[in-house]
């Protein structure tokens, strides 16, 4: 398979890239750092155009939209959540996902059974609303909604799944998180493998449980 993964220079993205490469797949790992195969700041439209041009006519069997930010962790309701944090977060977590998918639609449609996997979070669900992290929660809820609507528009063409990766021991999740990167990667890879046109629009956890929207 030809696989494109955004935000693949660290954390879950890097883990997924290593997993698929070890399984013999062709992986294009994108990111903002020099360690990426293709430089991609998902908030920059020009980067998307350059990426699509660099991939030329390569079919993309699996696109993993993993890049994202969590800029309001621990913010205080009375003094935090500055407007620029809202703009930056939605640019990366929502608009960036849309632009990635939009720019690679021709590559996806060139594949035999293309799939799009969007990394959201259980914090997007109405069942997980304990307060706090307003920007992150709102952006992940928005990208969940985006994925559901893309699944409708691409039905019969491209399968779209939305996933909660678990609370993972990464820079974002912290050292006290529940699961390792390896555990998250193994679970997510299994979910991506199971994704099909019959299950498009699903919102699932890394370990295979359907999650309430």
N, C-alpha and C. Protein backbone atom coordinates (compact mmCIF):
# COMPACT_ATOMS: atom_id res chain seq x y z
N UNK A 1 0.84 -1.20 0.00
CA UNK A 1 0.00 0.00 0.00
C UNK A 1 0.87 1.25 0.00
N UNK A 2 0.34 2.30 -0.57
CA UNK A 2 0.92 3.64 -0.45
C UNK A 2 0.15 4.38 0.64
N UNK A 3 0.86 4.83 1.65
CA UNK A 3 0.23 5.43 2.82
C UNK A 3 0.83 6.81 3.08
N UNK A 4 -0.03 7.80 3.27
CA UNK A 4 0.39 9.15 3.63
C UNK A 4 -0.09 9.42 5.05
N UNK A 5 0.84 9.87 5.91
CA UNK A 5 0.51 10.15 7.30
C UNK A 5 0.94 11.57 7.63
N UNK A 6 0.02 12.39 8.10
CA UNK A 6 0.38 13.74 8.51
C UNK A 6 0.81 13.74 9.98
N UNK A 7 1.65 14.71 10.33
CA UNK A 7 2.14 14.78 11.70
C UNK A 7 2.92 13.54 12.08
N UNK A 8 3.78 13.08 11.18
CA UNK A 8 4.41 11.76 11.34
C UNK A 8 5.86 11.82 11.80
N UNK A 9 6.29 12.94 12.35
CA UNK A 9 7.68 13.03 12.80
C UNK A 9 7.83 12.76 14.29
N UNK A 10 6.73 12.55 14.99
CA UNK A 10 6.80 12.22 16.42
C UNK A 10 5.49 11.58 16.85
N UNK A 11 5.49 11.03 18.06
CA UNK A 11 4.28 10.50 18.67
C UNK A 11 3.61 9.41 17.87
N UNK A 12 2.29 9.44 17.84
CA UNK A 12 1.50 8.41 17.17
C UNK A 12 1.81 8.36 15.69
N UNK A 13 1.95 9.51 15.06
CA UNK A 13 2.24 9.55 13.63
C UNK A 13 3.54 8.84 13.29
N UNK A 14 4.59 9.11 14.07
CA UNK A 14 5.87 8.45 13.84
C UNK A 14 5.75 6.95 14.09
N UNK A 15 4.98 6.59 15.11
CA UNK A 15 4.77 5.18 15.39
C UNK A 15 4.05 4.46 14.27
N UNK A 16 3.03 5.10 13.72
CA UNK A 16 2.31 4.51 12.59
C UNK A 16 3.22 4.37 11.37
N UNK A 17 4.03 5.38 11.11
CA UNK A 17 4.94 5.33 9.97
C UNK A 17 5.90 4.15 10.11
N UNK A 18 6.48 3.99 11.30
CA UNK A 18 7.41 2.88 11.53
C UNK A 18 6.71 1.54 11.41
N UNK A 19 5.50 1.45 11.92
CA UNK A 19 4.73 0.20 11.85
C UNK A 19 4.49 -0.21 10.40
N UNK A 20 4.01 0.71 9.60
CA UNK A 20 3.69 0.37 8.22
C UNK A 20 4.94 0.10 7.39
N UNK A 21 6.01 0.82 7.67
CA UNK A 21 7.26 0.56 6.94
C UNK A 21 7.80 -0.83 7.28
N UNK A 22 7.70 -1.22 8.54
CA UNK A 22 8.19 -2.54 8.93
C UNK A 22 7.35 -3.66 8.31
N UNK A 23 6.13 -3.31 7.90
CA UNK A 23 5.25 -4.29 7.24
C UNK A 23 5.41 -4.27 5.72
N UNK A 24 6.33 -3.46 5.23
CA UNK A 24 6.65 -3.44 3.81
C UNK A 24 5.87 -2.46 2.96
N UNK A 25 5.15 -1.56 3.61
CA UNK A 25 4.36 -0.59 2.85
C UNK A 25 5.20 0.65 2.50
N UNK A 26 4.78 1.35 1.47
CA UNK A 26 5.42 2.61 1.10
C UNK A 26 4.76 3.73 1.88
N UNK A 27 5.52 4.39 2.74
CA UNK A 27 4.97 5.42 3.61
C UNK A 27 5.56 6.78 3.27
N UNK A 28 4.67 7.77 3.13
CA UNK A 28 5.09 9.16 3.01
C UNK A 28 4.74 9.84 4.32
N UNK A 29 5.76 10.11 5.13
CA UNK A 29 5.56 10.74 6.43
C UNK A 29 5.71 12.24 6.29
N UNK A 30 4.67 12.98 6.59
CA UNK A 30 4.73 14.43 6.46
C UNK A 30 4.83 15.10 7.83
N UNK A 31 5.36 16.29 7.84
CA UNK A 31 5.48 17.05 9.08
C UNK A 31 6.19 18.35 8.83
N UNK A 32 6.29 19.15 9.88
CA UNK A 32 6.93 20.46 9.76
C UNK A 32 8.44 20.40 9.94
N UNK A 33 8.95 19.30 10.51
CA UNK A 33 10.38 19.22 10.81
C UNK A 33 11.16 18.60 9.66
N UNK A 34 12.47 18.66 9.78
CA UNK A 34 13.35 18.14 8.73
C UNK A 34 13.32 16.62 8.63
N UNK A 35 12.76 15.94 9.62
CA UNK A 35 12.69 14.49 9.59
C UNK A 35 11.58 13.94 8.70
N UNK A 36 10.77 14.80 8.13
CA UNK A 36 9.64 14.35 7.31
C UNK A 36 10.10 14.01 5.90
N UNK A 37 9.38 13.08 5.27
CA UNK A 37 9.62 12.78 3.86
C UNK A 37 9.16 13.94 2.99
N UNK A 38 8.05 14.53 3.39
CA UNK A 38 7.50 15.70 2.71
C UNK A 38 7.19 16.76 3.76
N UNK A 39 7.68 17.96 3.57
CA UNK A 39 7.40 19.04 4.51
C UNK A 39 5.96 19.49 4.33
N UNK A 40 5.20 19.45 5.42
CA UNK A 40 3.79 19.86 5.35
C UNK A 40 3.38 20.49 6.67
N UNK A 41 3.13 21.77 6.64
CA UNK A 41 2.43 22.47 7.71
C UNK A 41 0.98 22.48 7.25
N UNK A 42 0.13 21.72 7.92
CA UNK A 42 -1.24 21.53 7.43
C UNK A 42 -2.05 22.81 7.41
N UNK A 43 -1.56 23.87 8.08
CA UNK A 43 -2.29 25.14 8.07
C UNK A 43 -1.96 25.99 6.86
N UNK A 44 -1.00 25.54 6.03
CA UNK A 44 -0.53 26.35 4.91
C UNK A 44 -1.00 25.76 3.57
N UNK A 45 -1.92 26.41 2.86
CA UNK A 45 -2.42 25.88 1.59
C UNK A 45 -1.32 25.60 0.57
N UNK A 46 -0.29 26.43 0.54
CA UNK A 46 0.80 26.22 -0.42
C UNK A 46 1.52 24.90 -0.17
N UNK A 47 1.63 24.50 1.09
CA UNK A 47 2.28 23.23 1.41
C UNK A 47 1.47 22.05 0.88
N UNK A 48 0.16 22.17 0.94
CA UNK A 48 -0.69 21.09 0.41
C UNK A 48 -0.52 20.96 -1.10
N UNK A 49 -0.48 22.07 -1.78
CA UNK A 49 -0.29 22.04 -3.23
C UNK A 49 1.05 21.43 -3.59
N UNK A 50 2.09 21.80 -2.83
CA UNK A 50 3.42 21.27 -3.09
C UNK A 50 3.48 19.77 -2.82
N UNK A 51 2.80 19.31 -1.76
CA UNK A 51 2.77 17.89 -1.46
C UNK A 51 2.10 17.11 -2.58
N UNK A 52 0.93 17.58 -3.02
CA UNK A 52 0.21 16.90 -4.09
C UNK A 52 1.05 16.83 -5.35
N UNK A 53 1.76 17.90 -5.64
CA UNK A 53 2.61 17.93 -6.83
C UNK A 53 3.77 16.95 -6.68
N UNK A 54 4.33 16.86 -5.49
CA UNK A 54 5.47 15.97 -5.26
C UNK A 54 5.05 14.51 -5.38
N UNK A 55 3.83 14.19 -4.96
CA UNK A 55 3.35 12.80 -5.06
C UNK A 55 3.03 12.41 -6.50
N UNK A 56 2.94 13.41 -7.36
CA UNK A 56 2.69 13.18 -8.80
C UNK A 56 1.44 12.33 -8.98
N UNK A 57 1.57 11.19 -9.67
CA UNK A 57 0.40 10.35 -9.94
C UNK A 57 0.34 9.13 -9.04
N UNK A 58 1.00 9.17 -7.89
CA UNK A 58 1.00 8.04 -6.97
C UNK A 58 -0.38 7.84 -6.34
N UNK A 59 -0.98 6.66 -6.48
CA UNK A 59 -2.25 6.41 -5.79
C UNK A 59 -2.01 6.37 -4.28
N UNK A 60 -2.96 6.86 -3.51
CA UNK A 60 -2.87 6.80 -2.05
C UNK A 60 -3.94 5.85 -1.54
N UNK A 61 -3.51 4.72 -0.99
CA UNK A 61 -4.45 3.72 -0.49
C UNK A 61 -5.00 4.09 0.88
N UNK A 62 -4.16 4.72 1.70
CA UNK A 62 -4.58 5.11 3.05
C UNK A 62 -3.99 6.47 3.38
N UNK A 63 -4.87 7.40 3.73
CA UNK A 63 -4.45 8.72 4.21
C UNK A 63 -4.81 8.81 5.68
N UNK A 64 -3.81 9.02 6.52
CA UNK A 64 -4.03 9.17 7.96
C UNK A 64 -3.84 10.63 8.34
N UNK A 65 -4.93 11.29 8.71
CA UNK A 65 -4.89 12.70 9.12
C UNK A 65 -4.67 12.75 10.63
N UNK A 66 -3.40 12.80 10.99
CA UNK A 66 -3.01 12.70 12.40
C UNK A 66 -2.52 14.03 12.98
N UNK A 67 -2.04 14.94 12.15
CA UNK A 67 -1.46 16.19 12.65
C UNK A 67 -2.49 16.98 13.46
N UNK A 68 -2.06 17.50 14.58
CA UNK A 68 -2.97 18.29 15.40
C UNK A 68 -2.24 18.94 16.56
N UNK A 69 -2.91 19.87 17.21
CA UNK A 69 -2.33 20.59 18.35
C UNK A 69 -3.31 20.63 19.50
N UNK A 70 -2.75 20.78 20.71
CA UNK A 70 -3.55 20.90 21.93
C UNK A 70 -2.94 22.08 22.69
N UNK A 71 -3.39 23.28 22.36
CA UNK A 71 -2.75 24.49 22.84
C UNK A 71 -3.35 25.06 24.12
N UNK A 72 -4.51 24.53 24.54
CA UNK A 72 -5.18 25.12 25.70
C UNK A 72 -5.18 24.20 26.91
N UNK A 73 -4.28 23.22 26.94
CA UNK A 73 -4.22 22.30 28.07
C UNK A 73 -3.94 23.07 29.35
N UNK A 74 -4.80 22.89 30.34
CA UNK A 74 -4.61 23.53 31.63
C UNK A 74 -4.99 24.99 31.67
N UNK A 75 -5.60 25.50 30.62
CA UNK A 75 -5.96 26.93 30.59
C UNK A 75 -7.04 27.24 31.62
N UNK A 76 -7.02 28.45 32.10
CA UNK A 76 -7.96 28.92 33.11
C UNK A 76 -9.15 29.62 32.45
N UNK A 77 -10.36 29.28 32.87
CA UNK A 77 -11.57 29.81 32.24
C UNK A 77 -11.62 31.34 32.31
N UNK A 78 -11.20 31.90 33.41
CA UNK A 78 -11.31 33.35 33.59
C UNK A 78 -10.29 34.13 32.78
N UNK A 79 -9.11 33.57 32.59
CA UNK A 79 -8.04 34.34 31.95
C UNK A 79 -7.44 33.69 30.71
N UNK A 80 -7.79 32.45 30.42
CA UNK A 80 -7.16 31.73 29.32
C UNK A 80 -7.97 31.75 28.03
N UNK A 81 -7.62 30.82 27.13
CA UNK A 81 -8.32 30.64 25.86
C UNK A 81 -8.31 31.90 24.99
N UNK A 82 -7.13 32.42 24.77
CA UNK A 82 -6.97 33.62 23.95
C UNK A 82 -7.46 33.38 22.53
N UNK A 83 -7.99 34.40 21.87
CA UNK A 83 -8.53 34.24 20.52
C UNK A 83 -7.56 33.61 19.53
N UNK A 84 -6.27 33.96 19.65
CA UNK A 84 -5.33 33.40 18.68
C UNK A 84 -5.16 31.90 18.86
N UNK A 85 -5.38 31.39 20.07
CA UNK A 85 -5.30 29.95 20.29
C UNK A 85 -6.46 29.23 19.61
N UNK A 86 -7.62 29.85 19.60
CA UNK A 86 -8.76 29.29 18.87
C UNK A 86 -8.43 29.21 17.37
N UNK A 87 -7.91 30.29 16.84
CA UNK A 87 -7.61 30.33 15.41
C UNK A 87 -6.54 29.31 15.03
N UNK A 88 -5.47 29.24 15.82
CA UNK A 88 -4.40 28.29 15.52
C UNK A 88 -4.88 26.85 15.63
N UNK A 89 -5.69 26.57 16.63
CA UNK A 89 -6.16 25.21 16.87
C UNK A 89 -7.09 24.73 15.76
N UNK A 90 -8.02 25.57 15.38
CA UNK A 90 -8.95 25.17 14.31
C UNK A 90 -8.24 25.10 12.97
N UNK A 91 -7.24 25.96 12.76
CA UNK A 91 -6.47 25.90 11.51
C UNK A 91 -5.76 24.56 11.38
N UNK A 92 -5.21 24.05 12.48
CA UNK A 92 -4.49 22.77 12.44
C UNK A 92 -5.43 21.57 12.52
N UNK A 93 -6.35 21.60 13.46
CA UNK A 93 -7.15 20.41 13.78
C UNK A 93 -8.36 20.20 12.88
N UNK A 94 -8.80 21.23 12.21
CA UNK A 94 -10.00 21.11 11.37
C UNK A 94 -9.70 21.49 9.92
N UNK A 95 -9.35 22.75 9.70
CA UNK A 95 -9.06 23.19 8.34
C UNK A 95 -7.91 22.39 7.74
N UNK A 96 -6.89 22.11 8.55
CA UNK A 96 -5.76 21.35 8.06
C UNK A 96 -6.13 19.96 7.59
N UNK A 97 -7.04 19.33 8.29
CA UNK A 97 -7.53 18.00 7.87
C UNK A 97 -8.27 18.11 6.55
N UNK A 98 -9.15 19.10 6.44
CA UNK A 98 -9.90 19.27 5.20
C UNK A 98 -8.98 19.54 4.02
N UNK A 99 -8.02 20.44 4.19
CA UNK A 99 -7.12 20.77 3.10
C UNK A 99 -6.28 19.57 2.67
N UNK A 100 -5.87 18.75 3.64
CA UNK A 100 -5.10 17.54 3.32
C UNK A 100 -5.93 16.60 2.45
N UNK A 101 -7.16 16.36 2.86
CA UNK A 101 -8.03 15.46 2.11
C UNK A 101 -8.35 16.04 0.74
N UNK A 102 -8.68 17.31 0.71
CA UNK A 102 -9.04 17.95 -0.56
C UNK A 102 -7.88 17.87 -1.56
N UNK A 103 -6.67 18.13 -1.10
CA UNK A 103 -5.52 18.15 -2.01
C UNK A 103 -5.16 16.76 -2.52
N UNK A 104 -5.50 15.73 -1.75
CA UNK A 104 -5.12 14.38 -2.13
C UNK A 104 -6.28 13.55 -2.70
N UNK A 105 -7.42 14.18 -2.92
CA UNK A 105 -8.56 13.44 -3.49
C UNK A 105 -8.20 12.74 -4.82
N UNK A 106 -7.51 13.39 -5.75
CA UNK A 106 -7.16 12.68 -6.99
C UNK A 106 -6.29 11.44 -6.74
N UNK A 107 -5.38 11.54 -5.77
CA UNK A 107 -4.51 10.41 -5.44
C UNK A 107 -5.29 9.28 -4.78
N UNK A 108 -6.23 9.64 -3.92
CA UNK A 108 -7.08 8.64 -3.29
C UNK A 108 -7.97 7.95 -4.32
N UNK A 109 -8.54 8.72 -5.21
CA UNK A 109 -9.44 8.14 -6.21
C UNK A 109 -8.70 7.28 -7.23
N UNK A 110 -7.37 7.43 -7.29
CA UNK A 110 -6.57 6.60 -8.18
C UNK A 110 -6.28 5.22 -7.59
N UNK A 111 -6.57 5.05 -6.28
CA UNK A 111 -6.35 3.77 -5.61
C UNK A 111 -7.55 2.85 -5.79
N UNK A 112 -7.36 1.56 -5.54
CA UNK A 112 -8.42 0.58 -5.73
C UNK A 112 -9.49 0.64 -4.64
N UNK A 113 -9.06 0.70 -3.40
CA UNK A 113 -10.01 0.74 -2.27
C UNK A 113 -9.50 1.75 -1.24
N UNK A 114 -9.55 3.04 -1.58
CA UNK A 114 -8.93 4.06 -0.73
C UNK A 114 -9.66 4.28 0.59
N UNK A 115 -8.86 4.68 1.60
CA UNK A 115 -9.40 4.93 2.93
C UNK A 115 -8.80 6.21 3.49
N UNK A 116 -9.61 6.92 4.28
CA UNK A 116 -9.16 8.09 5.02
C UNK A 116 -9.42 7.82 6.50
N UNK A 117 -8.38 7.97 7.31
CA UNK A 117 -8.51 7.82 8.76
C UNK A 117 -8.23 9.18 9.41
N UNK A 118 -9.19 9.67 10.16
CA UNK A 118 -9.07 10.97 10.83
C UNK A 118 -8.91 10.73 12.33
N UNK A 119 -7.82 11.24 12.89
CA UNK A 119 -7.62 11.11 14.33
C UNK A 119 -8.34 12.26 15.04
N UNK A 120 -9.39 11.92 15.77
CA UNK A 120 -10.11 12.90 16.57
C UNK A 120 -9.80 12.60 18.03
N UNK A 121 -10.80 12.50 18.87
CA UNK A 121 -10.59 12.20 20.29
C UNK A 121 -11.94 11.92 20.92
N UNK A 122 -11.94 11.12 21.98
CA UNK A 122 -13.18 10.93 22.73
C UNK A 122 -13.63 12.24 23.36
N UNK A 123 -12.72 13.21 23.48
CA UNK A 123 -13.08 14.52 24.00
C UNK A 123 -14.00 15.29 23.05
N UNK A 124 -14.20 14.75 21.84
CA UNK A 124 -15.14 15.34 20.89
C UNK A 124 -16.58 14.97 21.19
N UNK A 125 -16.77 13.89 21.94
CA UNK A 125 -18.11 13.34 22.16
C UNK A 125 -18.91 14.13 23.19
N UNK A 126 -20.22 14.19 22.98
CA UNK A 126 -21.08 14.85 23.96
C UNK A 126 -21.13 14.07 25.27
N UNK A 127 -20.69 12.80 25.23
CA UNK A 127 -20.67 12.00 26.45
C UNK A 127 -19.43 12.27 27.29
N UNK A 128 -18.50 13.05 26.76
CA UNK A 128 -17.27 13.37 27.47
C UNK A 128 -17.17 14.89 27.59
N UNK A 129 -17.96 15.47 28.48
CA UNK A 129 -18.00 16.93 28.60
C UNK A 129 -17.89 17.34 30.08
N UNK A 130 -16.74 17.10 30.69
CA UNK A 130 -16.55 17.46 32.10
C UNK A 130 -16.11 18.90 32.31
N UNK A 131 -15.98 19.65 31.20
CA UNK A 131 -15.49 21.02 31.30
C UNK A 131 -14.01 21.11 30.98
N UNK A 132 -13.56 22.33 30.73
CA UNK A 132 -12.15 22.56 30.43
C UNK A 132 -11.76 22.18 29.02
N UNK A 133 -10.54 22.54 28.64
CA UNK A 133 -10.00 22.24 27.31
C UNK A 133 -11.00 22.60 26.20
N UNK A 134 -11.60 23.75 26.32
CA UNK A 134 -12.68 24.14 25.41
C UNK A 134 -12.26 24.18 23.95
N UNK A 135 -11.08 24.70 23.69
CA UNK A 135 -10.63 24.83 22.31
C UNK A 135 -10.36 23.46 21.71
N UNK A 136 -9.62 22.63 22.43
CA UNK A 136 -9.30 21.30 21.92
C UNK A 136 -10.56 20.49 21.72
N UNK A 137 -11.45 20.49 22.71
CA UNK A 137 -12.69 19.73 22.59
C UNK A 137 -13.52 20.20 21.39
N UNK A 138 -13.64 21.51 21.24
CA UNK A 138 -14.45 22.05 20.14
C UNK A 138 -13.84 21.70 18.79
N UNK A 139 -12.52 21.77 18.68
CA UNK A 139 -11.88 21.46 17.39
C UNK A 139 -11.99 19.98 17.06
N UNK A 140 -11.88 19.12 18.06
CA UNK A 140 -11.99 17.68 17.80
C UNK A 140 -13.45 17.29 17.51
N UNK A 141 -14.40 18.00 18.11
CA UNK A 141 -15.80 17.77 17.77
C UNK A 141 -16.06 18.21 16.33
N UNK A 142 -15.44 19.31 15.93
CA UNK A 142 -15.62 19.82 14.57
C UNK A 142 -15.04 18.85 13.54
N UNK A 143 -13.88 18.27 13.83
CA UNK A 143 -13.29 17.35 12.86
C UNK A 143 -14.03 16.03 12.83
N UNK A 144 -14.65 15.66 13.95
CA UNK A 144 -15.55 14.49 13.94
C UNK A 144 -16.73 14.75 13.01
N UNK A 145 -17.32 15.92 13.11
CA UNK A 145 -18.43 16.30 12.23
C UNK A 145 -17.97 16.35 10.78
N UNK A 146 -16.78 16.89 10.55
CA UNK A 146 -16.22 16.93 9.20
C UNK A 146 -16.10 15.53 8.62
N UNK A 147 -15.56 14.61 9.40
CA UNK A 147 -15.40 13.24 8.93
C UNK A 147 -16.72 12.58 8.60
N UNK A 148 -17.71 12.81 9.43
CA UNK A 148 -19.04 12.21 9.18
C UNK A 148 -19.63 12.73 7.87
N UNK A 149 -19.48 14.01 7.62
CA UNK A 149 -20.03 14.58 6.39
C UNK A 149 -19.22 14.17 5.16
N UNK A 150 -17.91 14.06 5.30
CA UNK A 150 -17.10 13.55 4.19
C UNK A 150 -17.49 12.12 3.85
N UNK A 151 -17.77 11.32 4.88
CA UNK A 151 -18.18 9.94 4.65
C UNK A 151 -19.46 9.90 3.81
N UNK A 152 -20.36 10.85 4.05
CA UNK A 152 -21.60 10.90 3.26
C UNK A 152 -21.32 11.30 1.82
N UNK A 153 -20.49 12.31 1.63
CA UNK A 153 -20.20 12.79 0.28
C UNK A 153 -19.35 11.81 -0.53
N UNK A 154 -18.53 11.03 0.17
CA UNK A 154 -17.63 10.11 -0.52
C UNK A 154 -18.14 8.67 -0.50
N UNK A 155 -19.37 8.48 -0.05
CA UNK A 155 -19.95 7.13 0.03
C UNK A 155 -19.89 6.43 -1.32
N UNK A 156 -19.46 5.16 -1.29
CA UNK A 156 -19.33 4.40 -2.52
C UNK A 156 -18.03 4.65 -3.25
N UNK A 157 -17.22 5.56 -2.72
CA UNK A 157 -15.98 5.97 -3.39
C UNK A 157 -14.77 5.79 -2.48
N UNK A 158 -14.80 6.47 -1.33
CA UNK A 158 -13.69 6.43 -0.38
C UNK A 158 -14.26 6.21 1.02
N UNK A 159 -13.71 5.23 1.75
CA UNK A 159 -14.15 4.97 3.12
C UNK A 159 -13.48 5.95 4.07
N UNK A 160 -14.27 6.47 5.01
CA UNK A 160 -13.76 7.45 5.97
C UNK A 160 -14.07 6.97 7.39
N UNK A 161 -13.04 6.90 8.22
CA UNK A 161 -13.22 6.54 9.61
C UNK A 161 -12.65 7.61 10.52
N UNK A 162 -13.27 7.79 11.68
CA UNK A 162 -12.81 8.76 12.67
C UNK A 162 -12.48 7.98 13.94
N UNK A 163 -11.36 8.33 14.58
CA UNK A 163 -10.85 7.48 15.65
C UNK A 163 -10.37 8.26 16.88
N UNK A 164 -10.63 7.65 18.04
CA UNK A 164 -10.03 8.09 19.30
C UNK A 164 -8.80 7.21 19.53
N UNK A 165 -7.60 7.79 19.58
CA UNK A 165 -6.39 6.98 19.65
C UNK A 165 -6.05 6.45 21.03
N UNK A 166 -6.87 6.80 22.02
CA UNK A 166 -6.53 6.50 23.40
C UNK A 166 -5.79 7.66 24.02
N UNK A 167 -5.64 7.58 25.34
CA UNK A 167 -4.80 8.56 26.05
C UNK A 167 -3.39 8.00 26.02
N UNK A 168 -2.56 8.58 25.15
CA UNK A 168 -1.30 7.97 24.78
C UNK A 168 -0.11 8.72 25.38
N UNK A 169 0.92 7.96 25.74
CA UNK A 169 2.13 8.51 26.34
C UNK A 169 3.01 9.18 25.28
N UNK A 170 2.59 10.39 24.91
CA UNK A 170 3.32 11.21 23.94
C UNK A 170 3.58 12.58 24.57
N UNK A 171 4.21 13.48 23.81
CA UNK A 171 4.39 14.85 24.31
C UNK A 171 3.05 15.49 24.62
N UNK A 172 2.03 15.18 23.81
CA UNK A 172 0.71 15.75 24.02
C UNK A 172 0.00 15.07 25.19
N UNK A 173 0.07 13.76 25.25
CA UNK A 173 -0.66 13.02 26.27
C UNK A 173 0.00 13.03 27.63
N UNK A 174 1.32 13.15 27.66
CA UNK A 174 2.04 13.16 28.92
C UNK A 174 2.45 11.76 29.37
N UNK A 175 3.39 11.71 30.29
CA UNK A 175 3.95 10.44 30.74
C UNK A 175 2.99 9.62 31.59
N UNK A 176 1.95 10.24 32.14
CA UNK A 176 0.99 9.52 32.99
C UNK A 176 -0.19 8.96 32.20
N UNK A 177 -0.15 9.08 30.88
CA UNK A 177 -1.25 8.60 30.04
C UNK A 177 -1.40 7.08 30.15
N UNK A 178 -2.55 6.58 29.69
CA UNK A 178 -2.93 5.19 29.91
C UNK A 178 -2.12 4.18 29.11
N UNK A 179 -1.84 4.48 27.83
CA UNK A 179 -1.26 3.47 26.96
C UNK A 179 -0.02 3.98 26.24
N UNK A 180 0.81 3.04 25.80
CA UNK A 180 2.02 3.39 25.07
C UNK A 180 1.68 3.70 23.61
N UNK A 181 2.64 4.33 22.95
CA UNK A 181 2.49 4.59 21.52
C UNK A 181 2.33 3.27 20.76
N UNK A 182 3.11 2.26 21.13
CA UNK A 182 3.03 0.97 20.43
C UNK A 182 1.63 0.36 20.54
N UNK A 183 1.02 0.45 21.71
CA UNK A 183 -0.33 -0.09 21.89
C UNK A 183 -1.34 0.67 21.05
N UNK A 184 -1.22 2.00 21.04
CA UNK A 184 -2.13 2.82 20.24
C UNK A 184 -1.96 2.51 18.76
N UNK A 185 -0.73 2.39 18.32
CA UNK A 185 -0.45 2.12 16.90
C UNK A 185 -1.02 0.78 16.48
N UNK A 186 -0.81 -0.24 17.29
CA UNK A 186 -1.32 -1.57 16.95
C UNK A 186 -2.85 -1.55 16.84
N UNK A 187 -3.48 -0.88 17.79
CA UNK A 187 -4.94 -0.81 17.76
C UNK A 187 -5.47 -0.01 16.59
N UNK A 188 -4.86 1.13 16.34
CA UNK A 188 -5.31 1.98 15.23
C UNK A 188 -5.11 1.29 13.89
N UNK A 189 -3.96 0.64 13.71
CA UNK A 189 -3.70 -0.06 12.45
C UNK A 189 -4.75 -1.14 12.20
N UNK A 190 -5.18 -1.81 13.25
CA UNK A 190 -6.24 -2.81 13.11
C UNK A 190 -7.56 -2.16 12.72
N UNK A 191 -7.83 -1.00 13.29
CA UNK A 191 -9.07 -0.29 12.94
C UNK A 191 -9.04 0.16 11.48
N UNK A 192 -7.91 0.68 11.04
CA UNK A 192 -7.79 1.13 9.65
C UNK A 192 -7.96 -0.04 8.69
N UNK A 193 -7.41 -1.17 9.06
CA UNK A 193 -7.52 -2.36 8.22
C UNK A 193 -8.98 -2.80 8.09
N UNK A 194 -9.73 -2.66 9.17
CA UNK A 194 -11.13 -3.09 9.17
C UNK A 194 -12.06 -2.09 8.49
N UNK A 195 -11.62 -0.86 8.32
CA UNK A 195 -12.47 0.16 7.70
C UNK A 195 -12.84 -0.21 6.27
N UNK A 196 -14.09 -0.02 5.93
CA UNK A 196 -14.57 -0.33 4.58
C UNK A 196 -15.70 0.62 4.22
N UNK A 197 -16.17 0.53 3.00
CA UNK A 197 -17.31 1.34 2.57
C UNK A 197 -18.55 1.01 3.38
N UNK A 198 -18.61 -0.21 3.90
CA UNK A 198 -19.76 -0.61 4.72
C UNK A 198 -19.74 0.04 6.10
N UNK A 199 -18.54 0.38 6.59
CA UNK A 199 -18.44 0.96 7.93
C UNK A 199 -18.05 2.44 7.89
N UNK A 200 -18.07 3.03 6.71
CA UNK A 200 -17.64 4.42 6.58
C UNK A 200 -18.47 5.34 7.48
N UNK A 201 -17.80 6.34 8.03
CA UNK A 201 -18.46 7.25 8.96
C UNK A 201 -18.36 6.82 10.40
N UNK A 202 -17.71 5.69 10.66
CA UNK A 202 -17.61 5.17 12.02
C UNK A 202 -16.77 6.10 12.91
N UNK A 203 -17.08 6.09 14.19
CA UNK A 203 -16.28 6.77 15.20
C UNK A 203 -15.93 5.70 16.22
N UNK A 204 -14.68 5.29 16.25
CA UNK A 204 -14.27 4.16 17.07
C UNK A 204 -13.06 4.49 17.92
N UNK A 205 -12.90 3.74 19.00
CA UNK A 205 -11.72 3.85 19.84
C UNK A 205 -10.60 2.98 19.27
N UNK A 206 -9.40 3.24 19.72
CA UNK A 206 -8.22 2.51 19.24
C UNK A 206 -8.35 1.00 19.45
N UNK A 207 -9.12 0.59 20.46
CA UNK A 207 -9.25 -0.83 20.75
C UNK A 207 -10.55 -1.44 20.23
N UNK A 208 -11.19 -0.76 19.27
CA UNK A 208 -12.28 -1.38 18.53
C UNK A 208 -13.68 -1.17 19.06
N UNK A 209 -13.88 -0.27 19.99
CA UNK A 209 -15.22 0.00 20.50
C UNK A 209 -15.86 1.18 19.76
N UNK A 210 -17.12 1.01 19.38
CA UNK A 210 -17.85 2.13 18.80
C UNK A 210 -18.03 3.21 19.86
N UNK A 211 -17.80 4.46 19.48
CA UNK A 211 -17.92 5.56 20.44
C UNK A 211 -19.11 6.42 20.10
N UNK A 212 -19.81 6.87 21.12
CA UNK A 212 -20.95 7.77 20.91
C UNK A 212 -20.46 9.09 20.35
N UNK A 213 -21.25 9.67 19.43
CA UNK A 213 -20.88 10.95 18.85
C UNK A 213 -21.11 12.08 19.81
